[in-house]
């Protein structure tokens, strides 16, 4: 029997959040865990702006370890510098 590891896949936006625990084969990648979670199937048209493991940006092919949390990142809706300027002006 092949060894498996358990990881979580997370996504959140202002209206909803997903956190799915999935079992994948040892040596699996971030992409494998995202596919196994089925989250992208529930978000038609969503294309992640990036991926991370515990807040650290990683490539889709990055290897996983048992207990990792894979995060799907949304594109920025406003430039952070512009948002700070707007808050300062208010």
PDB file of N, CA and C in Angstrom:
ATOM      1  N   UNK A   1       0.843  -1.184   0.000  1.00  0.00           N
ATOM      2  CA  UNK A   1       0.000   0.000   0.000  1.00  0.00           C
ATOM      3  C   UNK A   1       0.887   1.246   0.000  1.00  0.00           C
ATOM      4  N   UNK A   2       0.572   2.177  -0.875  1.00  0.00           N
ATOM      5  CA  UNK A   2       1.365   3.396  -0.988  1.00  0.00           C
ATOM      6  C   UNK A   2       1.143   4.292   0.222  1.00  0.00           C
ATOM      7  N   UNK A   3       2.208   4.951   0.651  1.00  0.00           N
ATOM      8  CA  UNK A   3       2.107   5.860   1.786  1.00  0.00           C
ATOM      9  C   UNK A   3       1.345   7.119   1.376  1.00  0.00           C
ATOM     10  N   UNK A   4       0.470   7.593   2.258  1.00  0.00           N
ATOM     11  CA  UNK A   4      -0.275   8.822   1.977  1.00  0.00           C
ATOM     12  C   UNK A   4       0.021   9.853   3.059  1.00  0.00           C
ATOM     13  N   UNK A   5      -0.226  11.111   2.689  1.00  0.00           N
ATOM     14  CA  UNK A   5      -0.103  12.210   3.636  1.00  0.00           C
ATOM     15  C   UNK A   5      -1.413  12.977   3.618  1.00  0.00           C
ATOM     16  N   UNK A   6      -1.694  13.672   4.707  1.00  0.00           N
ATOM     17  CA  UNK A   6      -2.920  14.477   4.802  1.00  0.00           C
ATOM     18  C   UNK A   6      -2.511  15.943   4.770  1.00  0.00           C
ATOM     19  N   UNK A   7      -3.137  16.691   3.865  1.00  0.00           N
ATOM     20  CA  UNK A   7      -2.916  18.128   3.759  1.00  0.00           C
ATOM     21  C   UNK A   7      -4.269  18.818   3.700  1.00  0.00           C
ATOM     22  N   UNK A   8      -4.273  20.113   3.935  1.00  0.00           N
ATOM     23  CA  UNK A   8      -5.490  20.911   3.804  1.00  0.00           C
ATOM     24  C   UNK A   8      -5.327  21.848   2.622  1.00  0.00           C
ATOM     25  N   UNK A   9      -6.436  22.117   1.944  1.00  0.00           N
ATOM     26  CA  UNK A   9      -6.454  23.082   0.852  1.00  0.00           C
ATOM     27  C   UNK A   9      -7.448  24.164   1.248  1.00  0.00           C
ATOM     28  N   UNK A  10      -7.012  25.427   1.186  1.00  0.00           N
ATOM     29  CA  UNK A  10      -7.829  26.543   1.667  1.00  0.00           C
ATOM     30  C   UNK A  10      -8.009  27.604   0.593  1.00  0.00           C
ATOM     31  N   UNK A  11      -9.209  28.182   0.577  1.00  0.00           N
ATOM     32  CA  UNK A  11      -9.526  29.323  -0.282  1.00  0.00           C
ATOM     33  C   UNK A  11     -10.556  30.175   0.454  1.00  0.00           C
ATOM     34  N   UNK A  12     -10.427  31.482   0.358  1.00  0.00           N
ATOM     35  CA  UNK A  12     -11.411  32.366   0.978  1.00  0.00           C
ATOM     36  C   UNK A  12     -11.583  33.615   0.139  1.00  0.00           C
ATOM     37  N   UNK A  13     -12.806  34.101   0.086  1.00  0.00           N
ATOM     38  CA  UNK A  13     -13.110  35.406  -0.495  1.00  0.00           C
ATOM     39  C   UNK A  13     -14.126  36.062   0.431  1.00  0.00           C
ATOM     40  N   UNK A  14     -14.549  37.280   0.159  1.00  0.00           N
ATOM     41  CA  UNK A  14     -15.452  37.956   1.104  1.00  0.00           C
ATOM     42  C   UNK A  14     -16.779  37.235   1.359  1.00  0.00           C
ATOM     43  N   UNK A  15     -17.212  36.379   0.442  1.00  0.00           N
ATOM     44  CA  UNK A  15     -18.514  35.714   0.593  1.00  0.00           C
ATOM     45  C   UNK A  15     -18.452  34.303   1.139  1.00  0.00           C
ATOM     46  N   UNK A  16     -17.329  33.622   0.990  1.00  0.00           N
ATOM     47  CA  UNK A  16     -17.273  32.202   1.372  1.00  0.00           C
ATOM     48  C   UNK A  16     -15.840  31.772   1.621  1.00  0.00           C
ATOM     49  N   UNK A  17     -15.730  30.613   2.227  1.00  0.00           N
ATOM     50  CA  UNK A  17     -14.407  30.025   2.417  1.00  0.00           C
ATOM     51  C   UNK A  17     -14.504  28.512   2.303  1.00  0.00           C
ATOM     52  N   UNK A  18     -13.410  27.922   1.877  1.00  0.00           N
ATOM     53  CA  UNK A  18     -13.305  26.479   1.768  1.00  0.00           C
ATOM     54  C   UNK A  18     -12.060  26.044   2.520  1.00  0.00           C
ATOM     55  N   UNK A  19     -12.165  24.967   3.265  1.00  0.00           N
ATOM     56  CA  UNK A  19     -11.017  24.339   3.901  1.00  0.00           C
ATOM     57  C   UNK A  19     -11.265  22.841   3.825  1.00  0.00           C
ATOM     58  N   UNK A  20     -10.508  22.184   2.978  1.00  0.00           N
ATOM     59  CA  UNK A  20     -10.716  20.751   2.744  1.00  0.00           C
ATOM     60  C   UNK A  20      -9.470  19.962   3.112  1.00  0.00           C
ATOM     61  N   UNK A  21      -9.650  18.932   3.892  1.00  0.00           N
ATOM     62  CA  UNK A  21      -8.570  17.998   4.191  1.00  0.00           C
ATOM     63  C   UNK A  21      -8.611  16.901   3.132  1.00  0.00           C
ATOM     64  N   UNK A  22      -7.462  16.626   2.549  1.00  0.00           N
ATOM     65  CA  UNK A  22      -7.378  15.586   1.521  1.00  0.00           C
ATOM     66  C   UNK A  22      -6.183  14.682   1.811  1.00  0.00           C
ATOM     67  N   UNK A  23      -6.323  13.439   1.440  1.00  0.00           N
ATOM     68  CA  UNK A  23      -5.223  12.486   1.520  1.00  0.00           C
ATOM     69  C   UNK A  23      -4.658  12.319   0.118  1.00  0.00           C
ATOM     70  N   UNK A  24      -3.342  12.513  -0.006  1.00  0.00           N
ATOM     71  CA  UNK A  24      -2.667  12.367  -1.293  1.00  0.00           C
ATOM     72  C   UNK A  24      -1.448  11.475  -1.091  1.00  0.00           C
ATOM     73  N   UNK A  25      -0.940  10.940  -2.165  1.00  0.00           N
ATOM     74  CA  UNK A  25       0.237  10.076  -2.081  1.00  0.00           C
ATOM     75  C   UNK A  25       1.447  10.882  -1.623  1.00  0.00           C
ATOM     76  N   UNK A  26       2.294  10.255  -0.843  1.00  0.00           N
ATOM     77  CA  UNK A  26       3.539  10.903  -0.431  1.00  0.00           C
ATOM     78  C   UNK A  26       4.299  11.313  -1.690  1.00  0.00           C
ATOM     79  N   UNK A  27       4.871  12.499  -1.679  1.00  0.00           N
ATOM     80  CA  UNK A  27       5.588  13.004  -2.851  1.00  0.00           C
ATOM     81  C   UNK A  27       4.700  13.790  -3.797  1.00  0.00           C
ATOM     82  N   UNK A  28       3.433  13.985  -3.444  1.00  0.00           N
ATOM     83  CA  UNK A  28       2.512  14.751  -4.285  1.00  0.00           C
ATOM     84  C   UNK A  28       2.868  16.228  -4.266  1.00  0.00           C
ATOM     85  N   UNK A  29       2.363  16.935  -5.265  1.00  0.00           N
ATOM     86  CA  UNK A  29       2.637  18.365  -5.396  1.00  0.00           C
ATOM     87  C   UNK A  29       1.427  19.190  -4.969  1.00  0.00           C
ATOM     88  N   UNK A  30       1.633  20.496  -4.907  1.00  0.00           N
ATOM     89  CA  UNK A  30       0.551  21.426  -4.613  1.00  0.00           C
ATOM     90  C   UNK A  30      -0.592  21.214  -5.598  1.00  0.00           C
ATOM     91  N   UNK A  31      -0.278  21.073  -6.869  1.00  0.00           N
ATOM     92  CA  UNK A  31      -1.299  20.860  -7.896  1.00  0.00           C
ATOM     93  C   UNK A  31      -2.110  19.595  -7.656  1.00  0.00           C
ATOM     94  N   UNK A  32      -1.451  18.537  -7.210  1.00  0.00           N
ATOM     95  CA  UNK A  32      -2.158  17.289  -6.912  1.00  0.00           C
ATOM     96  C   UNK A  32      -3.179  17.500  -5.795  1.00  0.00           C
ATOM     97  N   UNK A  33      -2.785  18.239  -4.762  1.00  0.00           N
ATOM     98  CA  UNK A  33      -3.695  18.484  -3.637  1.00  0.00           C
ATOM     99  C   UNK A  33      -4.861  19.366  -4.056  1.00  0.00           C
ATOM    100  N   UNK A  34      -4.595  20.383  -4.878  1.00  0.00           N
ATOM    101  CA  UNK A  34      -5.669  21.259  -5.359  1.00  0.00           C
ATOM    102  C   UNK A  34      -6.667  20.440  -6.169  1.00  0.00           C
ATOM    103  N   UNK A  35      -6.166  19.592  -7.047  1.00  0.00           N
ATOM    104  CA  UNK A  35      -7.053  18.729  -7.844  1.00  0.00           C
ATOM    105  C   UNK A  35      -7.876  17.804  -6.944  1.00  0.00           C
ATOM    106  N   UNK A  36      -7.238  17.207  -5.961  1.00  0.00           N
ATOM    107  CA  UNK A  36      -7.927  16.268  -5.073  1.00  0.00           C
ATOM    108  C   UNK A  36      -9.000  16.958  -4.231  1.00  0.00           C
ATOM    109  N   UNK A  37      -8.806  18.241  -3.939  1.00  0.00           N
ATOM    110  CA  UNK A  37      -9.763  18.955  -3.086  1.00  0.00           C
ATOM    111  C   UNK A  37     -11.078  19.238  -3.793  1.00  0.00           C
ATOM    112  N   UNK A  38     -11.046  19.395  -5.117  1.00  0.00           N
ATOM    113  CA  UNK A  38     -12.257  19.722  -5.870  1.00  0.00           C
ATOM    114  C   UNK A  38     -12.718  21.163  -5.716  1.00  0.00           C
ATOM    115  N   UNK A  39     -11.941  22.000  -5.048  1.00  0.00           N
ATOM    116  CA  UNK A  39     -12.352  23.383  -4.812  1.00  0.00           C
ATOM    117  C   UNK A  39     -12.510  24.160  -6.124  1.00  0.00           C
ATOM    118  N   UNK A  40     -11.582  23.992  -7.046  1.00  0.00           N
ATOM    119  CA  UNK A  40     -11.668  24.761  -8.297  1.00  0.00           C
ATOM    120  C   UNK A  40     -12.929  24.422  -9.093  1.00  0.00           C
ATOM    121  N   UNK A  41     -13.426  23.207  -8.968  1.00  0.00           N
ATOM    122  CA  UNK A  41     -14.664  22.823  -9.654  1.00  0.00           C
ATOM    123  C   UNK A  41     -15.863  23.595  -9.104  1.00  0.00           C
ATOM    124  N   UNK A  42     -15.778  24.031  -7.852  1.00  0.00           N
ATOM    125  CA  UNK A  42     -16.868  24.792  -7.228  1.00  0.00           C
ATOM    126  C   UNK A  42     -16.731  26.298  -7.440  1.00  0.00           C
ATOM    127  N   UNK A  43     -15.665  26.707  -8.110  1.00  0.00           N
ATOM    128  CA  UNK A  43     -15.418  28.127  -8.375  1.00  0.00           C
ATOM    129  C   UNK A  43     -15.265  28.352  -9.871  1.00  0.00           C
ATOM    130  N   UNK A  44     -16.350  28.210 -10.637  1.00  0.00           N
ATOM    131  CA  UNK A  44     -16.231  28.333 -12.089  1.00  0.00           C
ATOM    132  C   UNK A  44     -15.659  29.692 -12.482  1.00  0.00           C
ATOM    133  N   UNK A  45     -14.698  29.659 -13.378  1.00  0.00           N
ATOM    134  CA  UNK A  45     -14.084  30.884 -13.883  1.00  0.00           C
ATOM    135  C   UNK A  45     -12.956  31.428 -13.021  1.00  0.00           C
ATOM    136  N   UNK A  46     -12.785  30.889 -11.821  1.00  0.00           N
ATOM    137  CA  UNK A  46     -11.715  31.374 -10.941  1.00  0.00           C
ATOM    138  C   UNK A  46     -10.382  30.777 -11.361  1.00  0.00           C
ATOM    139  N   UNK A  47      -9.397  31.650 -11.531  1.00  0.00           N
ATOM    140  CA  UNK A  47      -8.029  31.221 -11.814  1.00  0.00           C
ATOM    141  C   UNK A  47      -7.155  31.768 -10.694  1.00  0.00           C
ATOM    142  N   UNK A  48      -6.557  30.904  -9.891  1.00  0.00           N
ATOM    143  CA  UNK A  48      -5.738  31.401  -8.786  1.00  0.00           C
ATOM    144  C   UNK A  48      -4.604  32.301  -9.273  1.00  0.00           C
ATOM    145  N   UNK A  49      -4.355  33.377  -8.527  1.00  0.00           N
ATOM    146  CA  UNK A  49      -3.249  34.278  -8.839  1.00  0.00           C
ATOM    147  C   UNK A  49      -1.931  33.687  -8.347  1.00  0.00           C
ATOM    148  N   UNK A  50      -2.017  32.706  -7.477  1.00  0.00           N
ATOM    149  CA  UNK A  50      -0.829  32.056  -6.942  1.00  0.00           C
ATOM    150  C   UNK A  50      -1.227  31.015  -5.920  1.00  0.00           C
ATOM    151  N   UNK A  51      -0.212  30.338  -5.417  1.00  0.00           N
ATOM    152  CA  UNK A  51      -0.409  29.277  -4.441  1.00  0.00           C
ATOM    153  C   UNK A  51       0.589  29.462  -3.317  1.00  0.00           C
ATOM    154  N   UNK A  52       0.240  28.985  -2.139  1.00  0.00           N
ATOM    155  CA  UNK A  52       1.158  29.077  -1.017  1.00  0.00           C
ATOM    156  C   UNK A  52       1.006  27.893  -0.095  1.00  0.00           C
ATOM    157  N   UNK A  53       2.006  27.728   0.747  1.00  0.00           N
ATOM    158  CA  UNK A  53       1.958  26.751   1.830  1.00  0.00           C
ATOM    159  C   UNK A  53       2.233  27.536   3.106  1.00  0.00           C
ATOM    160  N   UNK A  54       1.236  27.603   3.966  1.00  0.00           N
ATOM    161  CA  UNK A  54       1.332  28.369   5.216  1.00  0.00           C
ATOM    162  C   UNK A  54       1.834  29.796   4.962  1.00  0.00           C
ATOM    163  N   UNK A  55       1.288  30.469   3.950  1.00  0.00           N
ATOM    164  CA  UNK A  55       1.610  31.870   3.711  1.00  0.00           C
ATOM    165  C   UNK A  55       2.877  32.120   2.916  1.00  0.00           C
ATOM    166  N   UNK A  56       3.565  31.096   2.512  1.00  0.00           N
ATOM    167  CA  UNK A  56       4.783  31.243   1.709  1.00  0.00           C
ATOM    168  C   UNK A  56       4.441  30.869   0.274  1.00  0.00           C
ATOM    169  N   UNK A  57       4.677  31.785  -0.655  1.00  0.00           N
ATOM    170  CA  UNK A  57       4.339  31.547  -2.061  1.00  0.00           C
ATOM    171  C   UNK A  57       5.197  30.413  -2.610  1.00  0.00           C
ATOM    172  N   UNK A  58       4.522  29.484  -3.296  1.00  0.00           N
ATOM    173  CA  UNK A  58       5.207  28.332  -3.888  1.00  0.00           C
ATOM    174  C   UNK A  58       4.671  28.101  -5.304  1.00  0.00           C
ATOM    175  N   UNK A  59       5.398  27.313  -6.066  1.00  0.00           N
ATOM    176  CA  UNK A  59       4.970  26.930  -7.414  1.00  0.00           C
ATOM    177  C   UNK A  59       3.960  25.786  -7.329  1.00  0.00           C
ATOM    178  N   UNK A  60       3.189  25.628  -8.380  1.00  0.00           N
ATOM    179  CA  UNK A  60       2.186  24.571  -8.441  1.00  0.00           C
ATOM    180  C   UNK A  60       2.812  23.186  -8.299  1.00  0.00           C
ATOM    181  N   UNK A  61       4.050  23.039  -8.705  1.00  0.00           N
ATOM    182  CA  UNK A  61       4.730  21.748  -8.627  1.00  0.00           C
ATOM    183  C   UNK A  61       5.493  21.510  -7.337  1.00  0.00           C
ATOM    184  N   UNK A  62       5.380  22.419  -6.363  1.00  0.00           N
ATOM    185  CA  UNK A  62       6.110  22.274  -5.105  1.00  0.00           C
ATOM    186  C   UNK A  62       5.676  21.010  -4.369  1.00  0.00           C
ATOM    187  N   UNK A  63       6.620  20.279  -3.794  1.00  0.00           N
ATOM    188  CA  UNK A  63       6.268  19.056  -3.063  1.00  0.00           C
ATOM    189  C   UNK A  63       5.618  19.375  -1.720  1.00  0.00           C
ATOM    190  N   UNK A  64       4.782  18.459  -1.279  1.00  0.00           N
ATOM    191  CA  UNK A  64       4.063  18.634  -0.014  1.00  0.00           C
ATOM    192  C   UNK A  64       4.619  17.727   1.063  1.00  0.00           C
ATOM    193  N   UNK A  65       4.409  18.163   2.312  1.00  0.00           N
ATOM    194  CA  UNK A  65       4.726  17.338   3.478  1.00  0.00           C
ATOM    195  C   UNK A  65       3.443  17.127   4.263  1.00  0.00           C
ATOM    196  N   UNK A  66       3.424  16.092   5.044  1.00  0.00           N
ATOM    197  CA  UNK A  66       2.254  15.791   5.856  1.00  0.00           C
ATOM    198  C   UNK A  66       1.911  16.986   6.749  1.00  0.00           C
ATOM    199  N   UNK A  67       0.639  17.393   6.754  1.00  0.00           N
ATOM    200  CA  UNK A  67       0.186  18.488   7.597  1.00  0.00           C
ATOM    201  C   UNK A  67       0.233  19.861   6.954  1.00  0.00           C
ATOM    202  N   UNK A  68       0.747  19.976   5.725  1.00  0.00           N
ATOM    203  CA  UNK A  68       0.802  21.278   5.050  1.00  0.00           C
ATOM    204  C   UNK A  68      -0.595  21.825   4.798  1.00  0.00           C
ATOM    205  N   UNK A  69      -0.701  23.167   4.729  1.00  0.00           N
ATOM    206  CA  UNK A  69      -1.942  23.825   4.314  1.00  0.00           C
ATOM    207  C   UNK A  69      -1.648  24.562   3.014  1.00  0.00           C
ATOM    208  N   UNK A  70      -2.272  24.113   1.940  1.00  0.00           N
ATOM    209  CA  UNK A  70      -2.133  24.735   0.628  1.00  0.00           C
ATOM    210  C   UNK A  70      -3.158  25.852   0.526  1.00  0.00           C
ATOM    211  N   UNK A  71      -2.724  27.022   0.080  1.00  0.00           N
ATOM    212  CA  UNK A  71      -3.616  28.175  -0.019  1.00  0.00           C
ATOM    213  C   UNK A  71      -3.714  28.618  -1.475  1.00  0.00           C
ATOM    214  N   UNK A  72      -4.935  28.916  -1.907  1.00  0.00           N
ATOM    215  CA  UNK A  72      -5.177  29.452  -3.239  1.00  0.00           C
ATOM    216  C   UNK A  72      -5.380  30.950  -3.093  1.00  0.00           C
ATOM    217  N   UNK A  73      -4.584  31.739  -3.820  1.00  0.00           N
ATOM    218  CA  UNK A  73      -4.638  33.181  -3.684  1.00  0.00           C
ATOM    219  C   UNK A  73      -5.456  33.816  -4.796  1.00  0.00           C
ATOM    220  N   UNK A  74      -6.231  34.844  -4.407  1.00  0.00           N
ATOM    221  CA  UNK A  74      -7.027  35.613  -5.361  1.00  0.00           C
ATOM    222  C   UNK A  74      -6.176  36.743  -5.929  1.00  0.00           C
ATOM    223  N   UNK A  75      -6.530  37.229  -7.130  1.00  0.00           N
ATOM    224  CA  UNK A  75      -5.825  38.399  -7.671  1.00  0.00           C
ATOM    225  C   UNK A  75      -6.158  39.633  -6.826  1.00  0.00           C
ATOM    226  N   UNK A  76      -5.241  40.571  -6.766  1.00  0.00           N
ATOM    227  CA  UNK A  76      -5.499  41.825  -6.059  1.00  0.00           C
ATOM    228  C   UNK A  76      -6.559  42.615  -6.808  1.00  0.00           C
ATOM    229  N   UNK A  77      -7.463  43.234  -6.061  1.00  0.00           N
ATOM    230  CA  UNK A  77      -8.500  44.052  -6.704  1.00  0.00           C
ATOM    231  C   UNK A  77      -8.080  45.515  -6.758  1.00  0.00           C
ATOM    232  N   UNK A  78      -7.122  45.903  -5.924  1.00  0.00           N
ATOM    233  CA  UNK A  78      -6.616  47.269  -5.916  1.00  0.00           C
ATOM    234  C   UNK A  78      -5.146  47.206  -5.505  1.00  0.00           C
ATOM    235  N   UNK A  79      -4.345  48.079  -6.063  1.00  0.00           N
ATOM    236  CA  UNK A  79      -2.938  48.152  -5.725  1.00  0.00           C
ATOM    237  C   UNK A  79      -2.796  48.538  -4.247  1.00  0.00           C
ATOM    238  N   UNK A  80      -2.010  47.829  -3.458  1.00  0.00           N
ATOM    239  CA  UNK A  80      -1.882  48.137  -2.033  1.00  0.00           C
ATOM    240  C   UNK A  80      -1.440  49.580  -1.758  1.00  0.00           C
ATOM    241  N   UNK A  81      -0.571  50.116  -2.594  1.00  0.00           N
ATOM    242  CA  UNK A  81      -0.140  51.503  -2.395  1.00  0.00           C
ATOM    243  C   UNK A  81      -1.303  52.464  -2.591  1.00  0.00           C
ATOM    244  N   UNK A  82      -2.102  52.205  -3.595  1.00  0.00           N
ATOM    245  CA  UNK A  82      -3.275  53.046  -3.861  1.00  0.00           C
ATOM    246  C   UNK A  82      -4.283  52.946  -2.711  1.00  0.00           C
ATOM    247  N   UNK A  83      -4.452  51.755  -2.152  1.00  0.00           N
ATOM    248  CA  UNK A  83      -5.381  51.573  -1.037  1.00  0.00           C
ATOM    249  C   UNK A  83      -4.911  52.365   0.194  1.00  0.00           C
ATOM    250  N   UNK A  84      -3.598  52.359   0.464  1.00  0.00           N
ATOM    251  CA  UNK A  84      -3.075  53.133   1.606  1.00  0.00           C
ATOM    252  C   UNK A  84      -3.280  54.633   1.388  1.00  0.00           C
ATOM    253  N   UNK A  85      -3.033  55.094   0.163  1.00  0.00           N
ATOM    254  CA  UNK A  85      -3.250  56.517  -0.131  1.00  0.00           C
ATOM    255  C   UNK A  85      -4.709  56.910   0.081  1.00  0.00           C
ATOM    256  N   UNK A  86      -5.607  56.039  -0.338  1.00  0.00           N
ATOM    257  CA  UNK A  86      -7.041  56.323  -0.197  1.00  0.00           C
ATOM    258  C   UNK A  86      -7.431  56.373   1.287  1.00  0.00           C
ATOM    259  N   UNK A  87      -6.935  55.421   2.086  1.00  0.00           N
ATOM    260  CA  UNK A  87      -7.225  55.431   3.515  1.00  0.00           C
ATOM    261  C   UNK A  87      -6.664  56.675   4.192  1.00  0.00           C
ATOM    262  N   UNK A  88      -5.470  57.088   3.800  1.00  0.00           N
ATOM    263  CA  UNK A  88      -4.835  58.268   4.398  1.00  0.00           C
ATOM    264  C   UNK A  88      -5.593  59.538   4.045  1.00  0.00           C
ATOM    265  N   UNK A  89      -6.194  59.576   2.862  1.00  0.00           N
ATOM    266  CA  UNK A  89      -6.931  60.765   2.413  1.00  0.00           C
ATOM    267  C   UNK A  89      -8.290  60.873   3.099  1.00  0.00           C
ATOM    268  N   UNK A  90      -8.841  59.777   3.577  1.00  0.00           N
ATOM    269  CA  UNK A  90     -10.166  59.785   4.222  1.00  0.00           C
ATOM    270  C   UNK A  90     -10.144  60.331   5.603  1.00  0.00           C
TER     271      UNK A  90
END
